[in-house]
Amino acid sequence: MKKVLWLILLFFCIFLSGCKDNRPLLFFNAQPITPQTINHPGRNFAANQPIHYILIVPKGFKNDYIRVQIVKKEEKTAHWGYKIYQSKDFHIDTSKNYFINYFVINEPGYYFMQIFPFDNFDIPIARNDFWVK
């Protein structure tokens, strides 16, 4: 099962996403990440719905920890202000080239997720955005 998942991730990374320069990828899905659902990423979710995500790092992780930060763009400010909605640190298995988890958001709005290596909180490994309706 692990071998099949890894082959599908590798295929998806190389051929469908143009990952020629080995940049990390961050995808969201309404269903748990499996070899069947990985090819159907989403960006629109319902409030209180689990949002599953996968971070694929083709070159592998350099640190044992990552920080996952979810930021909400506020519409009620003059310049679309930003609010850190959630931030969590995770211990990861550096023998794998991917990290899978999920979260739940109960406030509708426009969000983006950024994932940082634990030794540099200024430059994210990957960033992607999504909507919660």
N, C-alpha and C. Protein backbone atom coordinates (compact mmCIF):
# COMPACT_ATOMS: atom_id res chain seq x y z
N MET A 1 0.83 -1.20 0.00
CA MET A 1 0.00 0.00 0.00
C MET A 1 0.87 1.26 0.00
N LYS A 2 1.93 1.25 0.82
CA LYS A 2 2.82 2.41 0.86
C LYS A 2 3.50 2.63 -0.48
N LYS A 3 3.89 1.53 -1.13
CA LYS A 3 4.57 1.64 -2.41
C LYS A 3 3.63 2.21 -3.47
N VAL A 4 2.38 1.78 -3.46
CA VAL A 4 1.40 2.28 -4.42
C VAL A 4 1.14 3.76 -4.19
N LEU A 5 0.98 4.16 -2.92
CA LEU A 5 0.76 5.57 -2.59
C LEU A 5 1.94 6.42 -3.05
N TRP A 6 3.14 5.95 -2.80
CA TRP A 6 4.32 6.71 -3.19
C TRP A 6 4.43 6.82 -4.71
N LEU A 7 4.14 5.76 -5.45
CA LEU A 7 4.19 5.82 -6.90
C LEU A 7 3.16 6.79 -7.47
N ILE A 8 1.97 6.78 -6.90
CA ILE A 8 0.93 7.71 -7.35
C ILE A 8 1.33 9.15 -7.04
N LEU A 9 1.88 9.38 -5.85
CA LEU A 9 2.33 10.73 -5.49
C LEU A 9 3.44 11.19 -6.44
N LEU A 10 4.36 10.32 -6.73
CA LEU A 10 5.46 10.66 -7.62
C LEU A 10 4.95 10.96 -9.02
N PHE A 11 4.05 10.12 -9.52
CA PHE A 11 3.46 10.35 -10.84
C PHE A 11 2.74 11.68 -10.88
N PHE A 12 1.93 11.94 -9.89
CA PHE A 12 1.16 13.18 -9.82
C PHE A 12 2.10 14.38 -9.78
N CYS A 13 3.13 14.28 -9.00
CA CYS A 13 4.09 15.38 -8.86
C CYS A 13 4.81 15.67 -10.17
N ILE A 14 5.29 14.67 -10.83
CA ILE A 14 6.12 14.87 -12.02
C ILE A 14 5.30 15.26 -13.24
N PHE A 15 4.23 14.53 -13.52
CA PHE A 15 3.53 14.73 -14.77
C PHE A 15 2.37 15.72 -14.72
N LEU A 16 1.62 15.74 -13.66
CA LEU A 16 0.43 16.59 -13.63
C LEU A 16 0.68 17.98 -13.06
N SER A 17 1.64 18.13 -12.19
CA SER A 17 1.86 19.42 -11.54
C SER A 17 3.10 20.14 -12.02
N GLY A 18 3.83 19.58 -12.92
CA GLY A 18 5.02 20.25 -13.42
C GLY A 18 6.10 20.41 -12.37
N CYS A 19 6.30 19.40 -11.56
CA CYS A 19 7.26 19.47 -10.46
C CYS A 19 8.66 19.13 -10.95
N LYS A 20 9.10 19.78 -12.02
CA LYS A 20 10.40 19.48 -12.60
C LYS A 20 11.55 19.96 -11.74
N ASP A 21 11.31 21.04 -10.95
CA ASP A 21 12.39 21.56 -10.13
C ASP A 21 12.26 21.13 -8.68
N ASN A 22 11.48 20.11 -8.40
CA ASN A 22 11.36 19.50 -7.08
C ASN A 22 10.87 20.45 -6.00
N ARG A 23 9.96 21.36 -6.33
CA ARG A 23 9.37 22.23 -5.31
C ARG A 23 8.32 21.47 -4.52
N PRO A 24 8.21 21.74 -3.23
CA PRO A 24 7.17 21.11 -2.42
C PRO A 24 5.77 21.51 -2.89
N LEU A 25 4.82 20.61 -2.71
CA LEU A 25 3.44 20.82 -3.12
C LEU A 25 2.51 20.64 -1.93
N LEU A 26 1.45 21.43 -1.89
CA LEU A 26 0.45 21.36 -0.82
C LEU A 26 -0.92 21.27 -1.47
N PHE A 27 -1.65 20.18 -1.19
CA PHE A 27 -2.97 19.96 -1.76
C PHE A 27 -3.99 19.73 -0.66
N PHE A 28 -5.25 20.14 -0.94
CA PHE A 28 -6.38 19.94 -0.02
C PHE A 28 -7.39 19.01 -0.66
N ASN A 29 -8.16 18.33 0.21
CA ASN A 29 -9.21 17.44 -0.26
C ASN A 29 -10.29 17.35 0.81
N ALA A 30 -11.53 17.16 0.38
CA ALA A 30 -12.64 17.00 1.32
C ALA A 30 -12.69 15.60 1.92
N GLN A 31 -12.00 14.66 1.28
CA GLN A 31 -11.96 13.28 1.76
C GLN A 31 -10.54 12.94 2.21
N PRO A 32 -10.41 11.92 3.04
CA PRO A 32 -9.04 11.53 3.45
C PRO A 32 -8.15 11.25 2.24
N ILE A 33 -6.88 11.59 2.36
CA ILE A 33 -5.93 11.44 1.26
C ILE A 33 -5.60 9.95 1.09
N THR A 34 -5.92 9.44 -0.08
CA THR A 34 -5.64 8.05 -0.45
C THR A 34 -5.15 8.05 -1.90
N PRO A 35 -4.66 6.92 -2.40
CA PRO A 35 -4.27 6.89 -3.82
C PRO A 35 -5.44 7.23 -4.75
N GLN A 36 -6.67 6.98 -4.34
CA GLN A 36 -7.83 7.27 -5.18
C GLN A 36 -8.22 8.75 -5.13
N THR A 37 -8.02 9.42 -4.00
CA THR A 37 -8.47 10.82 -3.86
C THR A 37 -7.38 11.85 -4.13
N ILE A 38 -6.14 11.43 -4.22
CA ILE A 38 -5.05 12.40 -4.39
C ILE A 38 -5.14 13.15 -5.70
N ASN A 39 -5.74 12.54 -6.71
CA ASN A 39 -5.84 13.18 -8.02
C ASN A 39 -7.02 14.14 -8.14
N HIS A 40 -7.74 14.38 -7.03
CA HIS A 40 -8.91 15.26 -7.05
C HIS A 40 -8.80 16.31 -5.93
N PRO A 41 -7.79 17.18 -6.01
CA PRO A 41 -7.68 18.20 -4.96
C PRO A 41 -8.82 19.21 -5.06
N GLY A 42 -9.11 19.87 -3.94
CA GLY A 42 -10.18 20.85 -3.90
C GLY A 42 -9.74 22.14 -3.25
N ARG A 43 -10.53 23.20 -3.46
CA ARG A 43 -10.23 24.49 -2.85
C ARG A 43 -11.45 25.11 -2.22
N ASN A 44 -12.62 24.47 -2.32
CA ASN A 44 -13.85 24.99 -1.74
C ASN A 44 -14.42 23.96 -0.78
N PHE A 45 -14.65 24.41 0.46
CA PHE A 45 -15.10 23.50 1.50
C PHE A 45 -16.24 24.13 2.29
N ALA A 46 -17.00 23.31 2.99
CA ALA A 46 -18.09 23.79 3.85
C ALA A 46 -17.56 24.01 5.26
N ALA A 47 -18.20 24.92 5.98
CA ALA A 47 -17.83 25.15 7.38
C ALA A 47 -18.04 23.87 8.17
N ASN A 48 -17.20 23.62 9.14
CA ASN A 48 -17.24 22.45 10.03
C ASN A 48 -16.97 21.13 9.31
N GLN A 49 -16.45 21.18 8.11
CA GLN A 49 -16.11 19.99 7.34
C GLN A 49 -14.61 19.71 7.52
N PRO A 50 -14.23 18.47 7.74
CA PRO A 50 -12.79 18.18 7.79
C PRO A 50 -12.14 18.49 6.44
N ILE A 51 -11.03 19.21 6.49
CA ILE A 51 -10.26 19.55 5.29
C ILE A 51 -8.94 18.79 5.40
N HIS A 52 -8.76 17.81 4.56
CA HIS A 52 -7.56 16.98 4.58
C HIS A 52 -6.51 17.62 3.68
N TYR A 53 -5.26 17.47 4.05
CA TYR A 53 -4.19 18.04 3.24
C TYR A 53 -2.98 17.11 3.22
N ILE A 54 -2.19 17.30 2.17
CA ILE A 54 -0.95 16.56 2.03
C ILE A 54 0.13 17.54 1.58
N LEU A 55 1.27 17.46 2.24
CA LEU A 55 2.46 18.20 1.85
C LEU A 55 3.43 17.20 1.26
N ILE A 56 3.80 17.40 -0.01
CA ILE A 56 4.74 16.52 -0.69
C ILE A 56 6.05 17.28 -0.86
N VAL A 57 7.12 16.73 -0.32
CA VAL A 57 8.44 17.35 -0.41
C VAL A 57 9.35 16.36 -1.14
N PRO A 58 9.50 16.51 -2.46
CA PRO A 58 10.28 15.53 -3.24
C PRO A 58 11.71 15.32 -2.75
N LYS A 59 12.35 16.36 -2.26
CA LYS A 59 13.73 16.23 -1.78
C LYS A 59 13.81 15.76 -0.34
N GLY A 60 12.68 15.59 0.32
CA GLY A 60 12.66 15.14 1.71
C GLY A 60 12.73 16.29 2.70
N PHE A 61 12.34 16.02 3.92
CA PHE A 61 12.35 17.01 4.99
C PHE A 61 13.74 17.15 5.58
N LYS A 62 14.12 18.37 5.91
CA LYS A 62 15.42 18.62 6.51
C LYS A 62 15.35 18.66 8.03
N ASN A 63 14.15 18.90 8.58
CA ASN A 63 13.95 19.02 10.02
C ASN A 63 12.95 17.98 10.50
N ASP A 64 12.96 17.72 11.82
CA ASP A 64 12.01 16.79 12.41
C ASP A 64 10.66 17.44 12.73
N TYR A 65 10.59 18.77 12.66
CA TYR A 65 9.36 19.49 13.00
C TYR A 65 9.01 20.48 11.91
N ILE A 66 7.69 20.69 11.75
CA ILE A 66 7.19 21.72 10.87
C ILE A 66 6.13 22.52 11.62
N ARG A 67 5.89 23.74 11.19
CA ARG A 67 4.81 24.56 11.74
C ARG A 67 3.79 24.78 10.63
N VAL A 68 2.55 24.39 10.91
CA VAL A 68 1.44 24.56 9.97
C VAL A 68 0.63 25.75 10.45
N GLN A 69 0.49 26.75 9.60
CA GLN A 69 -0.20 27.97 9.97
C GLN A 69 -1.33 28.23 8.98
N ILE A 70 -2.53 28.48 9.52
CA ILE A 70 -3.68 28.83 8.70
C ILE A 70 -3.99 30.29 8.96
N VAL A 71 -4.06 31.08 7.89
CA VAL A 71 -4.28 32.51 7.99
C VAL A 71 -5.58 32.86 7.27
N LYS A 72 -6.39 33.71 7.91
CA LYS A 72 -7.65 34.15 7.31
C LYS A 72 -7.50 35.59 6.83
N LYS A 73 -7.97 35.85 5.63
CA LYS A 73 -8.00 37.21 5.11
C LYS A 73 -9.32 37.84 5.55
N GLU A 74 -9.25 38.95 6.25
CA GLU A 74 -10.44 39.64 6.74
C GLU A 74 -10.95 40.63 5.70
N GLU A 75 -12.22 40.55 5.36
CA GLU A 75 -12.82 41.44 4.37
C GLU A 75 -13.23 42.78 4.97
N LYS A 76 -13.40 42.85 6.26
CA LYS A 76 -13.96 44.04 6.88
C LYS A 76 -12.94 45.14 7.13
N THR A 77 -11.69 44.91 6.81
CA THR A 77 -10.67 45.94 6.98
C THR A 77 -10.45 46.66 5.64
N ALA A 78 -9.85 47.81 5.69
CA ALA A 78 -9.66 48.61 4.49
C ALA A 78 -8.78 47.92 3.45
N HIS A 79 -7.81 47.14 3.89
CA HIS A 79 -6.87 46.50 2.96
C HIS A 79 -6.82 45.00 3.12
N TRP A 80 -7.94 44.38 3.43
CA TRP A 80 -7.99 42.93 3.61
C TRP A 80 -6.92 42.48 4.60
N GLY A 81 -7.12 42.78 5.84
CA GLY A 81 -6.16 42.41 6.87
C GLY A 81 -6.02 40.91 7.03
N TYR A 82 -5.01 40.50 7.74
CA TYR A 82 -4.73 39.09 7.94
C TYR A 82 -4.88 38.74 9.42
N LYS A 83 -5.39 37.54 9.69
CA LYS A 83 -5.54 37.07 11.06
C LYS A 83 -5.06 35.62 11.10
N ILE A 84 -4.14 35.31 12.01
CA ILE A 84 -3.71 33.92 12.15
C ILE A 84 -4.85 33.16 12.81
N TYR A 85 -5.43 32.24 12.06
CA TYR A 85 -6.57 31.48 12.54
C TYR A 85 -6.12 30.30 13.39
N GLN A 86 -5.05 29.64 12.98
CA GLN A 86 -4.58 28.46 13.68
C GLN A 86 -3.10 28.25 13.36
N SER A 87 -2.37 27.79 14.36
CA SER A 87 -0.96 27.48 14.15
C SER A 87 -0.61 26.28 15.03
N LYS A 88 -0.03 25.25 14.42
CA LYS A 88 0.34 24.04 15.16
C LYS A 88 1.69 23.54 14.70
N ASP A 89 2.42 22.96 15.63
CA ASP A 89 3.70 22.34 15.33
C ASP A 89 3.52 20.83 15.30
N PHE A 90 4.17 20.18 14.35
CA PHE A 90 4.05 18.74 14.19
C PHE A 90 5.43 18.10 14.10
N HIS A 91 5.58 16.96 14.75
CA HIS A 91 6.77 16.12 14.59
C HIS A 91 6.50 15.26 13.37
N ILE A 92 7.46 15.19 12.46
CA ILE A 92 7.25 14.44 11.23
C ILE A 92 8.26 13.32 11.09
N ASP A 93 7.90 12.35 10.28
CA ASP A 93 8.78 11.23 9.97
C ASP A 93 9.64 11.64 8.77
N THR A 94 10.91 11.91 9.01
CA THR A 94 11.79 12.38 7.94
C THR A 94 12.15 11.30 6.92
N SER A 95 11.78 10.05 7.20
CA SER A 95 12.04 8.99 6.23
C SER A 95 11.00 9.02 5.10
N LYS A 96 9.91 9.76 5.28
CA LYS A 96 8.89 9.91 4.25
C LYS A 96 9.05 11.26 3.57
N ASN A 97 8.60 11.35 2.35
CA ASN A 97 8.66 12.61 1.61
C ASN A 97 7.30 13.31 1.59
N TYR A 98 6.42 12.96 2.52
CA TYR A 98 5.11 13.58 2.56
C TYR A 98 4.61 13.63 4.01
N PHE A 99 3.65 14.51 4.22
CA PHE A 99 3.00 14.65 5.53
C PHE A 99 1.51 14.82 5.26
N ILE A 100 0.68 14.01 5.93
CA ILE A 100 -0.77 14.04 5.74
C ILE A 100 -1.43 14.34 7.08
N ASN A 101 -2.43 15.23 7.06
CA ASN A 101 -3.20 15.56 8.26
C ASN A 101 -4.51 16.22 7.83
N TYR A 102 -5.28 16.71 8.80
CA TYR A 102 -6.53 17.42 8.48
C TYR A 102 -6.80 18.46 9.56
N PHE A 103 -7.73 19.36 9.27
CA PHE A 103 -8.18 20.37 10.22
C PHE A 103 -9.63 20.69 9.92
N VAL A 104 -10.29 21.43 10.84
CA VAL A 104 -11.68 21.83 10.67
C VAL A 104 -11.77 23.33 10.94
N ILE A 105 -12.47 24.04 10.07
CA ILE A 105 -12.70 25.48 10.24
C ILE A 105 -14.20 25.72 10.29
N ASN A 106 -14.63 26.52 11.27
CA ASN A 106 -16.06 26.76 11.41
C ASN A 106 -16.48 28.17 10.97
N GLU A 107 -15.56 29.02 10.54
CA GLU A 107 -15.89 30.37 10.08
C GLU A 107 -15.73 30.46 8.57
N PRO A 108 -16.78 30.87 7.85
CA PRO A 108 -16.64 31.04 6.40
C PRO A 108 -15.63 32.15 6.08
N GLY A 109 -14.97 32.02 4.93
CA GLY A 109 -14.03 33.05 4.50
C GLY A 109 -12.97 32.50 3.58
N TYR A 110 -12.04 33.38 3.26
CA TYR A 110 -10.91 33.03 2.40
C TYR A 110 -9.69 32.80 3.29
N TYR A 111 -9.01 31.67 3.12
CA TYR A 111 -7.88 31.29 3.96
C TYR A 111 -6.71 30.88 3.10
N PHE A 112 -5.53 30.90 3.69
CA PHE A 112 -4.39 30.24 3.08
C PHE A 112 -3.60 29.52 4.17
N MET A 113 -2.98 28.44 3.77
CA MET A 113 -2.15 27.65 4.68
C MET A 113 -0.71 27.79 4.22
N GLN A 114 0.16 27.97 5.20
CA GLN A 114 1.59 27.98 4.90
C GLN A 114 2.28 27.07 5.90
N ILE A 115 3.25 26.34 5.41
CA ILE A 115 3.97 25.37 6.23
C ILE A 115 5.44 25.77 6.25
N PHE A 116 5.98 25.90 7.47
CA PHE A 116 7.35 26.37 7.66
C PHE A 116 8.24 25.26 8.20
N PRO A 117 9.51 25.26 7.80
CA PRO A 117 10.48 24.40 8.49
C PRO A 117 10.73 25.02 9.86
N PHE A 118 11.07 24.22 10.82
CA PHE A 118 11.20 24.71 12.19
C PHE A 118 12.41 25.60 12.40
N ASP A 119 13.32 25.64 11.44
CA ASP A 119 14.50 26.49 11.60
C ASP A 119 14.38 27.83 10.87
N ASN A 120 13.23 28.08 10.17
CA ASN A 120 13.06 29.34 9.45
C ASN A 120 11.57 29.65 9.33
N PHE A 121 11.08 30.53 10.20
CA PHE A 121 9.66 30.88 10.18
C PHE A 121 9.37 32.07 9.26
N ASP A 122 10.35 32.48 8.46
CA ASP A 122 10.16 33.58 7.52
C ASP A 122 9.79 33.11 6.12
N ILE A 123 10.32 31.97 5.71
CA ILE A 123 10.09 31.47 4.36
C ILE A 123 9.39 30.12 4.44
N PRO A 124 8.13 30.04 3.96
CA PRO A 124 7.41 28.76 4.03
C PRO A 124 7.94 27.73 3.03
N ILE A 125 7.79 26.47 3.41
CA ILE A 125 8.10 25.36 2.50
C ILE A 125 7.10 25.37 1.35
N ALA A 126 5.81 25.53 1.71
CA ALA A 126 4.74 25.53 0.72
C ALA A 126 3.60 26.41 1.22
N ARG A 127 2.80 26.89 0.27
CA ARG A 127 1.65 27.73 0.60
C ARG A 127 0.56 27.45 -0.42
N ASN A 128 -0.69 27.42 0.04
CA ASN A 128 -1.83 27.25 -0.86
C ASN A 128 -3.04 27.89 -0.20
N ASP A 129 -4.04 28.24 -1.00
CA ASP A 129 -5.22 28.91 -0.46
C ASP A 129 -6.48 28.10 -0.72
N PHE A 130 -7.57 28.47 0.01
CA PHE A 130 -8.84 27.76 -0.12
C PHE A 130 -9.95 28.64 0.45
N TRP A 131 -11.19 28.27 0.13
CA TRP A 131 -12.38 28.99 0.60
C TRP A 131 -13.20 28.06 1.51
N VAL A 132 -13.79 28.64 2.54
CA VAL A 132 -14.75 27.94 3.39
C VAL A 132 -16.06 28.69 3.27
N LYS A 133 -17.11 28.01 2.84
CA LYS A 133 -18.43 28.64 2.62
C LYS A 133 -19.35 28.35 3.78
